[in-house]
Amino acid sequence: MTRLRFLISIASCSLLVNSLLHTAPTTIKTRQSLSLHLFPDLFSKQQQQPRVQAPPNFVPPLAITEGTDLKEFATASAALALRLATGAFVLGWKVDTLFFDDESRYALKLGPIRLRDSSSVLETAARPSSTLVLYDRESSPSCKRVREMLNLLDITFEVRPCFEDTETDYPVPFLVDPNADSTIVGDDDIIGYLLEKYGPNPDLFDRKALWPIEFRAFALATAEIAADLRGNPGRTQQSNARPDNAAMKPIELWGYECSPFVRPVKEKLAELGLPHKVVSCSRGSKNRDAMVERTGRFQVPFIIDENTGIEMFEGPEIVDYLEAVYTTKE
């Protein structure tokens, strides 16, 4: 009965939010205040930290190993093409030099060429001091728009997976910004908020560069097809996922939304209901330097799992590792 009342309460709140936010124009500040009033307890759940460990004698791969699953790569690449590789480059991407000579920092090696790139507009943009939290459904087209915008703005964010027809079937996407003590509901409002709060000066870039995201009908249609090609991952939780996965420390995932190599790892994290912190690594991102400093090279996907102490590369091996650690053994 308690659970039923909880679900009815969440559904009622969702309907009320949609009604109030879409029947009359409101400011972002008003939307934030409304969301905080309706969802005061969704972000304060405290659970005991579960204990997990890596499989016995597990040795993480540290270099490129076996070949790619062609079917996985083909469907992930088709999704990338449908979305026009949105999020592959940071906003204002530019080439700095073709002959970068600092081996301690990232550059794309192409024979004698060492291409160094960056953003021409994000250098002066505000950066969140505390990590933004996105309540998200992996296969949702509206959620994908938000994730792509976060990559474009080179913002690291934490994902909390939500599933249909469960206690985590919240109205997604919604974003929690602890820096402003506020939440924002809905993809259009979140995108507008991110650009206003953490985007560059509008005079520094052409807004037309955002059309694959801001042309909503196109974005939703192509993202829906992309999700269908992948079997709509993350819509429901994997049946043998550990019941305490949501209480795990967030797993750090270095990558970006449209990468066909990162996609299977993102989908597995979502299906297992694992919180994960996405360190955006689109072309031109400063986080590429951070990875080179930490590991000696740039390669995605890369995960850091504070629950077990494991750090590893290689998408297929990461998926196998997550299956081994975060599923029940019955």
C-alpha atoms as a PDB file:
ATOM      1  CA  MET A   1       0.000   0.000   0.000  1.00  0.00           C
ATOM      2  CA  THR A   2       2.889   2.390   0.830  1.00  0.00           C
ATOM      3  CA  ARG A   3       4.512   1.678  -2.512  1.00  0.00           C
ATOM      4  CA  LEU A   4       1.222   2.219  -4.327  1.00  0.00           C
ATOM      5  CA  ARG A   5       0.758   5.592  -2.633  1.00  0.00           C
ATOM      6  CA  PHE A   6       4.339   6.519  -3.619  1.00  0.00           C
ATOM      7  CA  LEU A   7       3.711   5.674  -7.271  1.00  0.00           C
ATOM      8  CA  ILE A   8       0.413   7.554  -7.304  1.00  0.00           C
ATOM      9  CA  SER A   9       2.154  10.550  -5.736  1.00  0.00           C
ATOM     10  CA  ILE A  10       4.923  10.543  -8.339  1.00  0.00           C
ATOM     11  CA  ALA A  11       2.417  10.208 -11.186  1.00  0.00           C
ATOM     12  CA  SER A  12       0.327  13.069  -9.809  1.00  0.00           C
ATOM     13  CA  CYS A  13       3.401  15.256  -9.465  1.00  0.00           C
ATOM     14  CA  SER A  14       4.427  14.454 -13.047  1.00  0.00           C
ATOM     15  CA  LEU A  15       1.024  15.435 -14.414  1.00  0.00           C
ATOM     16  CA  LEU A  16       1.002  18.621 -12.376  1.00  0.00           C
ATOM     17  CA  VAL A  17       4.495  19.615 -13.528  1.00  0.00           C
ATOM     18  CA  ASN A  18       3.652  19.010 -17.192  1.00  0.00           C
ATOM     19  CA  SER A  19       0.418  20.973 -16.847  1.00  0.00           C
ATOM     20  CA  LEU A  20       1.990  23.939 -15.103  1.00  0.00           C
ATOM     21  CA  LEU A  21       5.123  24.094 -17.235  1.00  0.00           C
ATOM     22  CA  HIS A  22       3.433  23.853 -20.613  1.00  0.00           C
ATOM     23  CA  THR A  23       0.178  25.772 -20.251  1.00  0.00           C
ATOM     24  CA  ALA A  24       1.711  29.152 -19.521  1.00  0.00           C
ATOM     25  CA  PRO A  25       5.090  30.773 -20.135  1.00  0.00           C
ATOM     26  CA  THR A  26       7.288  30.769 -17.049  1.00  0.00           C
ATOM     27  CA  THR A  27      10.836  31.738 -16.284  1.00  0.00           C
ATOM     28  CA  ILE A  28      13.598  29.241 -15.593  1.00  0.00           C
ATOM     29  CA  LYS A  29      13.693  30.421 -11.995  1.00  0.00           C
ATOM     30  CA  THR A  30       9.969  29.696 -11.609  1.00  0.00           C
ATOM     31  CA  ARG A  31      10.427  26.214 -13.025  1.00  0.00           C
ATOM     32  CA  GLN A  32      13.300  25.542 -10.634  1.00  0.00           C
ATOM     33  CA  SER A  33      11.258  26.616  -7.615  1.00  0.00           C
ATOM     34  CA  LEU A  34       8.291  24.535  -8.744  1.00  0.00           C
ATOM     35  CA  SER A  35      10.443  21.429  -9.223  1.00  0.00           C
ATOM     36  CA  LEU A  36      12.068  21.815  -5.823  1.00  0.00           C
ATOM     37  CA  HIS A  37       8.648  22.104  -4.204  1.00  0.00           C
ATOM     38  CA  LEU A  38       7.280  19.003  -5.945  1.00  0.00           C
ATOM     39  CA  PHE A  39      10.376  16.802  -5.646  1.00  0.00           C
ATOM     40  CA  PRO A  40      12.007  17.666  -2.316  1.00  0.00           C
ATOM     41  CA  ASP A  41      12.887  14.104  -1.300  1.00  0.00           C
ATOM     42  CA  LEU A  42      13.940  12.418  -4.538  1.00  0.00           C
ATOM     43  CA  PHE A  43      17.567  13.500  -4.153  1.00  0.00           C
ATOM     44  CA  SER A  44      18.122  12.935  -0.448  1.00  0.00           C
ATOM     45  CA  LYS A  45      17.753   9.152  -0.159  1.00  0.00           C
ATOM     46  CA  GLN A  46      20.543   7.748   1.984  1.00  0.00           C
ATOM     47  CA  GLN A  47      21.335   4.061   1.703  1.00  0.00           C
ATOM     48  CA  GLN A  48      24.038   1.945   3.236  1.00  0.00           C
ATOM     49  CA  GLN A  49      26.977   1.532   0.867  1.00  0.00           C
ATOM     50  CA  PRO A  50      26.926  -2.007  -0.592  1.00  0.00           C
ATOM     51  CA  ARG A  51      30.147  -3.982  -0.859  1.00  0.00           C
ATOM     52  CA  VAL A  52      31.309  -5.568  -4.090  1.00  0.00           C
ATOM     53  CA  GLN A  53      34.619  -6.840  -5.372  1.00  0.00           C
ATOM     54  CA  ALA A  54      36.220  -7.646  -8.681  1.00  0.00           C
ATOM     55  CA  PRO A  55      36.124 -11.289  -9.867  1.00  0.00           C
ATOM     56  CA  PRO A  56      38.921 -13.474  -8.427  1.00  0.00           C
ATOM     57  CA  ASN A  57      42.270 -13.034 -10.214  1.00  0.00           C
ATOM     58  CA  PHE A  58      40.778 -10.311 -12.416  1.00  0.00           C
ATOM     59  CA  VAL A  59      43.370  -8.400 -14.447  1.00  0.00           C
ATOM     60  CA  PRO A  60      41.971  -5.396 -16.348  1.00  0.00           C
ATOM     61  CA  PRO A  61      43.203  -4.904 -19.915  1.00  0.00           C
ATOM     62  CA  LEU A  62      45.376  -1.819 -20.278  1.00  0.00           C
ATOM     63  CA  ALA A  63      45.831  -1.757 -24.048  1.00  0.00           C
ATOM     64  CA  ILE A  64      43.932  -2.398 -27.243  1.00  0.00           C
ATOM     65  CA  THR A  65      43.279  -6.118 -27.333  1.00  0.00           C
ATOM     66  CA  GLU A  66      40.710  -8.067 -29.346  1.00  0.00           C
ATOM     67  CA  GLY A  67      38.693  -6.929 -32.350  1.00  0.00           C
ATOM     68  CA  THR A  68      35.339  -5.157 -32.286  1.00  0.00           C
ATOM     69  CA  ASP A  69      31.966  -6.912 -32.386  1.00  0.00           C
ATOM     70  CA  LEU A  70      30.912  -5.951 -35.919  1.00  0.00           C
ATOM     71  CA  LYS A  71      27.171  -6.049 -35.226  1.00  0.00           C
ATOM     72  CA  GLU A  72      27.524  -3.871 -32.128  1.00  0.00           C
ATOM     73  CA  PHE A  73      29.764  -1.465 -33.998  1.00  0.00           C
ATOM     74  CA  ALA A  74      27.451  -1.294 -37.029  1.00  0.00           C
ATOM     75  CA  THR A  75      24.311  -0.427 -35.057  1.00  0.00           C
ATOM     76  CA  ALA A  76      26.171   2.044 -32.827  1.00  0.00           C
ATOM     77  CA  SER A  77      27.726   3.684 -35.905  1.00  0.00           C
ATOM     78  CA  ALA A  78      24.327   3.901 -37.594  1.00  0.00           C
ATOM     79  CA  ALA A  79      23.048   5.732 -34.529  1.00  0.00           C
ATOM     80  CA  LEU A  80      26.023   8.091 -34.756  1.00  0.00           C
ATOM     81  CA  ALA A  81      25.250   8.806 -38.419  1.00  0.00           C
ATOM     82  CA  LEU A  82      21.546   9.390 -37.780  1.00  0.00           C
ATOM     83  CA  ARG A  83      22.381  12.018 -35.169  1.00  0.00           C
ATOM     84  CA  LEU A  84      25.008  13.586 -37.455  1.00  0.00           C
ATOM     85  CA  ALA A  85      27.754  12.842 -34.907  1.00  0.00           C
ATOM     86  CA  THR A  86      26.237  15.428 -32.566  1.00  0.00           C
ATOM     87  CA  GLY A  87      28.415  15.717 -29.466  1.00  0.00           C
ATOM     88  CA  ALA A  88      31.533  14.373 -31.169  1.00  0.00           C
ATOM     89  CA  PHE A  89      32.989  17.901 -31.038  1.00  0.00           C
ATOM     90  CA  VAL A  90      32.733  20.523 -28.326  1.00  0.00           C
ATOM     91  CA  LEU A  91      30.935  23.757 -29.141  1.00  0.00           C
ATOM     92  CA  GLY A  92      33.314  26.122 -30.944  1.00  0.00           C
ATOM     93  CA  TRP A  93      35.709  23.325 -31.937  1.00  0.00           C
ATOM     94  CA  LYS A  94      38.870  24.522 -33.643  1.00  0.00           C
ATOM     95  CA  VAL A  95      42.252  23.207 -34.735  1.00  0.00           C
ATOM     96  CA  ASP A  96      45.100  24.862 -32.825  1.00  0.00           C
ATOM     97  CA  THR A  97      48.061  23.323 -34.639  1.00  0.00           C
ATOM     98  CA  LEU A  98      48.969  20.352 -36.825  1.00  0.00           C
ATOM     99  CA  PHE A  99      52.388  19.936 -35.232  1.00  0.00           C
ATOM    100  CA  PHE A 100      51.896  19.844 -31.468  1.00  0.00           C
ATOM    101  CA  ASP A 101      55.143  18.782 -29.803  1.00  0.00           C
ATOM    102  CA  ASP A 102      54.150  18.322 -26.137  1.00  0.00           C
ATOM    103  CA  GLU A 103      53.988  14.547 -25.634  1.00  0.00           C
ATOM    104  CA  SER A 104      52.510  14.952 -22.147  1.00  0.00           C
ATOM    105  CA  ARG A 105      49.268  16.409 -23.562  1.00  0.00           C
ATOM    106  CA  TYR A 106      46.696  15.085 -25.998  1.00  0.00           C
ATOM    107  CA  ALA A 107      47.035  15.377 -29.768  1.00  0.00           C
ATOM    108  CA  LEU A 108      45.649  13.221 -32.584  1.00  0.00           C
ATOM    109  CA  LYS A 109      48.523  11.402 -34.268  1.00  0.00           C
ATOM    110  CA  LEU A 110      48.247  10.971 -38.046  1.00  0.00           C
ATOM    111  CA  GLY A 111      51.682   9.977 -39.322  1.00  0.00           C
ATOM    112  CA  PRO A 112      53.911  13.049 -38.924  1.00  0.00           C
ATOM    113  CA  ILE A 113      50.910  15.161 -37.943  1.00  0.00           C
ATOM    114  CA  ARG A 114      49.996  15.764 -34.281  1.00  0.00           C
ATOM    115  CA  LEU A 115      46.695  17.637 -34.407  1.00  0.00           C
ATOM    116  CA  ARG A 116      45.925  19.704 -31.340  1.00  0.00           C
ATOM    117  CA  ASP A 117      42.355  21.014 -30.974  1.00  0.00           C
ATOM    118  CA  SER A 118      40.246  22.936 -28.458  1.00  0.00           C
ATOM    119  CA  SER A 119      37.185  25.175 -28.169  1.00  0.00           C
ATOM    120  CA  SER A 120      37.195  28.795 -29.278  1.00  0.00           C
ATOM    121  CA  VAL A 121      34.224  29.697 -27.041  1.00  0.00           C
ATOM    122  CA  LEU A 122      34.225  27.578 -23.862  1.00  0.00           C
ATOM    123  CA  GLU A 123      37.399  29.002 -22.309  1.00  0.00           C
ATOM    124  CA  THR A 124      35.473  31.752 -20.519  1.00  0.00           C
ATOM    125  CA  ALA A 125      32.227  29.817 -19.951  1.00  0.00           C
ATOM    126  CA  ALA A 126      31.210  29.153 -16.342  1.00  0.00           C
ATOM    127  CA  ARG A 127      31.918  25.623 -15.090  1.00  0.00           C
ATOM    128  CA  PRO A 128      29.882  23.833 -12.413  1.00  0.00           C
ATOM    129  CA  SER A 129      31.947  23.358  -9.258  1.00  0.00           C
ATOM    130  CA  SER A 130      29.772  20.427  -8.127  1.00  0.00           C
ATOM    131  CA  THR A 131      28.688  17.668 -10.497  1.00  0.00           C
ATOM    132  CA  LEU A 132      25.304  18.041 -12.176  1.00  0.00           C
ATOM    133  CA  VAL A 133      22.989  15.034 -11.755  1.00  0.00           C
ATOM    134  CA  LEU A 134      20.777  13.883 -14.625  1.00  0.00           C
ATOM    135  CA  TYR A 135      17.855  11.529 -13.955  1.00  0.00           C
ATOM    136  CA  ASP A 136      17.780   9.768 -17.273  1.00  0.00           C
ATOM    137  CA  ARG A 137      16.434   6.922 -19.377  1.00  0.00           C
ATOM    138  CA  GLU A 138      19.081   5.698 -21.822  1.00  0.00           C
ATOM    139  CA  SER A 139      16.752   5.050 -24.773  1.00  0.00           C
ATOM    140  CA  SER A 140      14.679   8.224 -24.324  1.00  0.00           C
ATOM    141  CA  PRO A 141      15.104  10.642 -27.279  1.00  0.00           C
ATOM    142  CA  SER A 142      14.480  13.667 -25.045  1.00  0.00           C
ATOM    143  CA  CYS A 143      17.144  12.477 -22.596  1.00  0.00           C
ATOM    144  CA  LYS A 144      19.578  11.976 -25.473  1.00  0.00           C
ATOM    145  CA  ARG A 145      19.162  15.629 -26.494  1.00  0.00           C
ATOM    146  CA  VAL A 146      20.240  16.675 -23.010  1.00  0.00           C
ATOM    147  CA  ARG A 147      23.236  14.324 -22.934  1.00  0.00           C
ATOM    148  CA  GLU A 148      24.397  15.632 -26.302  1.00  0.00           C
ATOM    149  CA  MET A 149      24.180  19.235 -25.079  1.00  0.00           C
ATOM    150  CA  LEU A 150      26.220  18.353 -21.986  1.00  0.00           C
ATOM    151  CA  ASN A 151      28.914  16.914 -24.280  1.00  0.00           C
ATOM    152  CA  LEU A 152      28.853  19.996 -26.520  1.00  0.00           C
ATOM    153  CA  LEU A 153      29.403  22.189 -23.464  1.00  0.00           C
ATOM    154  CA  ASP A 154      32.120  19.821 -22.163  1.00  0.00           C
ATOM    155  CA  ILE A 155      30.333  19.313 -18.844  1.00  0.00           C
ATOM    156  CA  THR A 156      30.927  16.286 -16.629  1.00  0.00           C
ATOM    157  CA  PHE A 157      27.665  14.948 -15.204  1.00  0.00           C
ATOM    158  CA  GLU A 158      26.307  12.088 -13.126  1.00  0.00           C
ATOM    159  CA  VAL A 159      23.576   9.837 -14.521  1.00  0.00           C
ATOM    160  CA  ARG A 160      20.934   8.168 -12.354  1.00  0.00           C
ATOM    161  CA  PRO A 161      19.145   5.559 -14.524  1.00  0.00           C
ATOM    162  CA  CYS A 162      15.338   5.510 -14.376  1.00  0.00           C
ATOM    163  CA  PHE A 163      13.119   2.705 -15.667  1.00  0.00           C
ATOM    164  CA  GLU A 164       9.570   2.464 -16.916  1.00  0.00           C
ATOM    165  CA  ASP A 165       6.859   1.083 -14.628  1.00  0.00           C
ATOM    166  CA  THR A 166       9.006   1.055 -11.488  1.00  0.00           C
ATOM    167  CA  GLU A 167       9.632   3.252  -8.451  1.00  0.00           C
ATOM    168  CA  THR A 168      12.262   5.041 -10.572  1.00  0.00           C
ATOM    169  CA  ASP A 169       9.781   5.906 -13.329  1.00  0.00           C
ATOM    170  CA  TYR A 170      10.255   9.623 -12.743  1.00  0.00           C
ATOM    171  CA  PRO A 171       9.370  12.273 -15.347  1.00  0.00           C
ATOM    172  CA  VAL A 172      12.655  12.267 -17.280  1.00  0.00           C
ATOM    173  CA  PRO A 173      14.802  13.992 -18.126  1.00  0.00           C
ATOM    174  CA  PHE A 174      15.249  16.167 -15.108  1.00  0.00           C
ATOM    175  CA  LEU A 175      18.438  17.779 -13.987  1.00  0.00           C
ATOM    176  CA  VAL A 176      19.658  18.531 -10.480  1.00  0.00           C
ATOM    177  CA  ASP A 177      22.127  21.400 -10.196  1.00  0.00           C
ATOM    178  CA  PRO A 178      23.544  21.437  -6.649  1.00  0.00           C
ATOM    179  CA  ASN A 179      25.437  24.633  -7.487  1.00  0.00           C
ATOM    180  CA  ALA A 180      22.132  26.513  -7.730  1.00  0.00           C
ATOM    181  CA  ASP A 181      20.127  24.256  -5.369  1.00  0.00           C
ATOM    182  CA  SER A 182      17.599  23.697  -8.139  1.00  0.00           C
ATOM    183  CA  THR A 183      16.146  21.146 -10.532  1.00  0.00           C
ATOM    184  CA  ILE A 184      14.900  21.602 -14.070  1.00  0.00           C
ATOM    185  CA  VAL A 185      12.275  19.359 -15.679  1.00  0.00           C
ATOM    186  CA  GLY A 186      12.007  18.607 -19.414  1.00  0.00           C
ATOM    187  CA  ASP A 187      14.525  18.550 -22.251  1.00  0.00           C
ATOM    188  CA  ASP A 188      13.792  21.999 -23.700  1.00  0.00           C
ATOM    189  CA  ASP A 189      14.015  23.695 -20.307  1.00  0.00           C
ATOM    190  CA  ILE A 190      17.184  21.810 -19.347  1.00  0.00           C
ATOM    191  CA  ILE A 191      18.892  22.694 -22.638  1.00  0.00           C
ATOM    192  CA  GLY A 192      17.923  26.345 -22.209  1.00  0.00           C
ATOM    193  CA  TYR A 193      19.167  26.313 -18.620  1.00  0.00           C
ATOM    194  CA  LEU A 194      22.524  24.739 -19.555  1.00  0.00           C
ATOM    195  CA  LEU A 195      23.143  27.306 -22.288  1.00  0.00           C
ATOM    196  CA  GLU A 196      22.210  30.193 -19.998  1.00  0.00           C
ATOM    197  CA  LYS A 197      24.120  28.957 -16.962  1.00  0.00           C
ATOM    198  CA  TYR A 198      27.146  27.153 -18.423  1.00  0.00           C
ATOM    199  CA  GLY A 199      27.213  28.103 -22.089  1.00  0.00           C
ATOM    200  CA  PRO A 200      29.483  30.684 -23.732  1.00  0.00           C
ATOM    201  CA  ASN A 201      28.538  34.251 -24.455  1.00  0.00           C
ATOM    202  CA  PRO A 202      25.870  34.047 -27.215  1.00  0.00           C
ATOM    203  CA  ASP A 203      27.829  36.643 -29.207  1.00  0.00           C
ATOM    204  CA  LEU A 204      30.761  34.230 -29.503  1.00  0.00           C
ATOM    205  CA  PHE A 205      29.082  31.482 -31.526  1.00  0.00           C
ATOM    206  CA  ASP A 206      26.471  30.930 -34.209  1.00  0.00           C
ATOM    207  CA  ARG A 207      23.320  29.452 -32.667  1.00  0.00           C
ATOM    208  CA  LYS A 208      22.747  27.553 -35.929  1.00  0.00           C
ATOM    209  CA  ALA A 209      25.523  25.198 -34.817  1.00  0.00           C
ATOM    210  CA  LEU A 210      23.028  23.753 -32.325  1.00  0.00           C
ATOM    211  CA  TRP A 211      20.326  22.923 -34.871  1.00  0.00           C
ATOM    212  CA  PRO A 212      20.698  19.079 -34.650  1.00  0.00           C
ATOM    213  CA  ILE A 213      19.647  19.439 -30.996  1.00  0.00           C
ATOM    214  CA  GLU A 214      17.402  22.493 -31.088  1.00  0.00           C
ATOM    215  CA  PHE A 215      15.387  21.339 -34.124  1.00  0.00           C
ATOM    216  CA  ARG A 216      13.347  19.207 -31.738  1.00  0.00           C
ATOM    217  CA  ALA A 217      11.279  17.221 -34.246  1.00  0.00           C
ATOM    218  CA  PHE A 218      14.416  16.126 -36.112  1.00  0.00           C
ATOM    219  CA  ALA A 219      16.302  15.345 -32.896  1.00  0.00           C
ATOM    220  CA  LEU A 220      13.501  13.222 -31.423  1.00  0.00           C
ATOM    221  CA  ALA A 221      12.808  11.330 -34.655  1.00  0.00           C
ATOM    222  CA  THR A 222      16.440  10.436 -35.345  1.00  0.00           C
ATOM    223  CA  ALA A 223      17.136   9.591 -31.700  1.00  0.00           C
ATOM    224  CA  GLU A 224      14.073   7.311 -31.664  1.00  0.00           C
ATOM    225  CA  ILE A 225      15.326   5.416 -34.726  1.00  0.00           C
ATOM    226  CA  ALA A 226      18.792   5.189 -33.196  1.00  0.00           C
ATOM    227  CA  ALA A 227      17.338   3.707 -30.003  1.00  0.00           C
ATOM    228  CA  ASP A 228      15.255   1.226 -32.008  1.00  0.00           C
ATOM    229  CA  LEU A 229      18.374   0.059 -33.854  1.00  0.00           C
ATOM    230  CA  ARG A 230      19.966  -0.673 -30.478  1.00  0.00           C
ATOM    231  CA  GLY A 231      16.885  -2.457 -29.087  1.00  0.00           C
ATOM    232  CA  ASN A 232      15.829   0.415 -26.788  1.00  0.00           C
ATOM    233  CA  PRO A 233      18.401  -0.276 -24.069  1.00  0.00           C
ATOM    234  CA  GLY A 234      17.748   0.865 -20.524  1.00  0.00           C
ATOM    235  CA  ARG A 235      13.980   1.112 -20.881  1.00  0.00           C
ATOM    236  CA  THR A 236      13.656  -1.600 -18.225  1.00  0.00           C
ATOM    237  CA  GLN A 237      16.204  -2.882 -15.766  1.00  0.00           C
ATOM    238  CA  GLN A 238      18.113  -6.065 -16.498  1.00  0.00           C
ATOM    239  CA  SER A 239      16.356  -8.904 -14.694  1.00  0.00           C
ATOM    240  CA  ASN A 240      19.430 -10.197 -12.849  1.00  0.00           C
ATOM    241  CA  ALA A 241      20.826  -6.802 -11.839  1.00  0.00           C
ATOM    242  CA  ARG A 242      21.776  -6.568  -8.178  1.00  0.00           C
ATOM    243  CA  PRO A 243      18.914  -4.980  -6.248  1.00  0.00           C
ATOM    244  CA  ASP A 244      21.336  -2.604  -4.489  1.00  0.00           C
ATOM    245  CA  ASN A 245      23.026  -1.257  -7.635  1.00  0.00           C
ATOM    246  CA  ALA A 246      21.380   2.154  -7.269  1.00  0.00           C
ATOM    247  CA  ALA A 247      23.185   2.609  -3.939  1.00  0.00           C
ATOM    248  CA  MET A 248      26.657   1.984  -5.420  1.00  0.00           C
ATOM    249  CA  LYS A 249      29.214   4.761  -5.729  1.00  0.00           C
ATOM    250  CA  PRO A 250      28.986   6.245  -9.227  1.00  0.00           C
ATOM    251  CA  ILE A 251      31.256   4.527 -11.733  1.00  0.00           C
ATOM    252  CA  GLU A 252      33.318   7.048 -13.667  1.00  0.00           C
ATOM    253  CA  LEU A 253      32.944   6.639 -17.436  1.00  0.00           C
ATOM    254  CA  TRP A 254      35.207   8.607 -19.741  1.00  0.00           C
ATOM    255  CA  GLY A 255      33.700   9.032 -23.194  1.00  0.00           C
ATOM    256  CA  TYR A 256      31.048  10.873 -25.171  1.00  0.00           C
ATOM    257  CA  GLU A 257      27.493  10.240 -26.295  1.00  0.00           C
ATOM    258  CA  CYS A 258      27.959   9.404 -29.972  1.00  0.00           C
ATOM    259  CA  SER A 259      31.037   7.157 -29.729  1.00  0.00           C
ATOM    260  CA  PRO A 260      30.187   3.662 -31.071  1.00  0.00           C
ATOM    261  CA  PHE A 261      32.834   2.217 -28.736  1.00  0.00           C
ATOM    262  CA  VAL A 262      31.422   3.900 -25.624  1.00  0.00           C
ATOM    263  CA  ARG A 263      27.768   3.147 -26.417  1.00  0.00           C
ATOM    264  CA  PRO A 264      27.656  -0.537 -25.271  1.00  0.00           C
ATOM    265  CA  VAL A 265      29.220   0.436 -21.938  1.00  0.00           C
ATOM    266  CA  LYS A 266      26.726   3.284 -21.387  1.00  0.00           C
ATOM    267  CA  GLU A 267      23.871   0.950 -22.200  1.00  0.00           C
ATOM    268  CA  LYS A 268      25.099  -1.740 -19.808  1.00  0.00           C
ATOM    269  CA  LEU A 269      25.512   0.763 -16.962  1.00  0.00           C
ATOM    270  CA  ALA A 270      21.954   1.948 -17.601  1.00  0.00           C
ATOM    271  CA  GLU A 271      20.448  -1.535 -17.820  1.00  0.00           C
ATOM    272  CA  LEU A 272      22.087  -2.532 -14.538  1.00  0.00           C
ATOM    273  CA  GLY A 273      20.760   0.616 -12.859  1.00  0.00           C
ATOM    274  CA  LEU A 274      24.252   1.786 -11.925  1.00  0.00           C
ATOM    275  CA  PRO A 275      24.856   5.474 -11.184  1.00  0.00           C
ATOM    276  CA  HIS A 276      27.703   6.670 -13.376  1.00  0.00           C
ATOM    277  CA  LYS A 277      29.651   9.867 -13.798  1.00  0.00           C
ATOM    278  CA  VAL A 278      30.220  10.727 -17.451  1.00  0.00           C
ATOM    279  CA  VAL A 279      33.479  12.603 -18.003  1.00  0.00           C
ATOM    280  CA  SER A 280      32.845  14.270 -21.364  1.00  0.00           C
ATOM    281  CA  CYS A 281      35.688  13.668 -23.820  1.00  0.00           C
ATOM    282  CA  SER A 282      34.432  15.070 -27.125  1.00  0.00           C
ATOM    283  CA  ARG A 283      37.018  16.372 -29.591  1.00  0.00           C
ATOM    284  CA  GLY A 284      38.419  19.627 -28.217  1.00  0.00           C
ATOM    285  CA  SER A 285      37.673  18.684 -24.599  1.00  0.00           C
ATOM    286  CA  LYS A 286      40.190  19.524 -21.894  1.00  0.00           C
ATOM    287  CA  ASN A 287      39.409  16.149 -20.347  1.00  0.00           C
ATOM    288  CA  ARG A 288      41.496  14.486 -23.046  1.00  0.00           C
ATOM    289  CA  ASP A 289      44.570  16.065 -21.459  1.00  0.00           C
ATOM    290  CA  ALA A 290      43.387  14.832 -18.056  1.00  0.00           C
ATOM    291  CA  MET A 291      43.181  11.253 -19.323  1.00  0.00           C
ATOM    292  CA  VAL A 292      46.653  11.403 -20.894  1.00  0.00           C
ATOM    293  CA  GLU A 293      48.000  12.712 -17.595  1.00  0.00           C
ATOM    294  CA  ARG A 294      46.325   9.884 -15.669  1.00  0.00           C
ATOM    295  CA  THR A 295      46.887   6.917 -17.994  1.00  0.00           C
ATOM    296  CA  GLY A 296      49.566   7.966 -20.464  1.00  0.00           C
ATOM    297  CA  ARG A 297      47.230   7.858 -23.468  1.00  0.00           C
ATOM    298  CA  PHE A 298      43.773   8.723 -24.692  1.00  0.00           C
ATOM    299  CA  GLN A 299      41.342   5.880 -25.350  1.00  0.00           C
ATOM    300  CA  VAL A 300      37.620   5.568 -24.664  1.00  0.00           C
ATOM    301  CA  PRO A 301      35.737   3.991 -23.087  1.00  0.00           C
ATOM    302  CA  PHE A 302      37.650   4.065 -19.826  1.00  0.00           C
ATOM    303  CA  ILE A 303      36.126   3.442 -16.404  1.00  0.00           C
ATOM    304  CA  ILE A 304      37.164   4.064 -12.819  1.00  0.00           C
ATOM    305  CA  ASP A 305      35.137   1.971 -10.384  1.00  0.00           C
ATOM    306  CA  GLU A 306      35.517   3.204  -6.804  1.00  0.00           C
ATOM    307  CA  ASN A 307      33.405   0.281  -5.585  1.00  0.00           C
ATOM    308  CA  THR A 308      36.148  -2.223  -6.484  1.00  0.00           C
ATOM    309  CA  GLY A 309      39.215  -0.083  -7.191  1.00  0.00           C
ATOM    310  CA  ILE A 310      39.306  -1.239 -10.824  1.00  0.00           C
ATOM    311  CA  GLU A 311      40.396   1.055 -13.674  1.00  0.00           C
ATOM    312  CA  MET A 312      40.179  -0.321 -17.199  1.00  0.00           C
ATOM    313  CA  PHE A 313      39.880   0.283 -20.934  1.00  0.00           C
ATOM    314  CA  GLU A 314      38.216  -1.772 -23.687  1.00  0.00           C
ATOM    315  CA  GLY A 315      34.441  -1.694 -24.180  1.00  0.00           C
ATOM    316  CA  PRO A 316      33.708  -5.447 -24.510  1.00  0.00           C
ATOM    317  CA  GLU A 317      35.856  -6.261 -21.468  1.00  0.00           C
ATOM    318  CA  ILE A 318      34.196  -3.485 -19.446  1.00  0.00           C
ATOM    319  CA  VAL A 319      30.755  -4.896 -20.305  1.00  0.00           C
ATOM    320  CA  ASP A 320      31.877  -8.379 -19.197  1.00  0.00           C
ATOM    321  CA  TYR A 321      33.300  -6.928 -15.985  1.00  0.00           C
ATOM    322  CA  LEU A 322      30.060  -5.096 -15.164  1.00  0.00           C
ATOM    323  CA  GLU A 323      28.081  -8.299 -15.785  1.00  0.00           C
ATOM    324  CA  ALA A 324      30.374 -10.244 -13.466  1.00  0.00           C
ATOM    325  CA  VAL A 325      30.304  -7.747 -10.597  1.00  0.00           C
ATOM    326  CA  TYR A 326      26.850  -6.157 -10.669  1.00  0.00           C
ATOM    327  CA  THR A 327      24.493  -9.060 -11.320  1.00  0.00           C
ATOM    328  CA  THR A 328      23.110 -11.693  -8.991  1.00  0.00           C
ATOM    329  CA  LYS A 329      24.625 -15.131  -9.159  1.00  0.00           C
ATOM    330  CA  GLU A 330      21.501 -17.284  -8.805  1.00  0.00           C
END
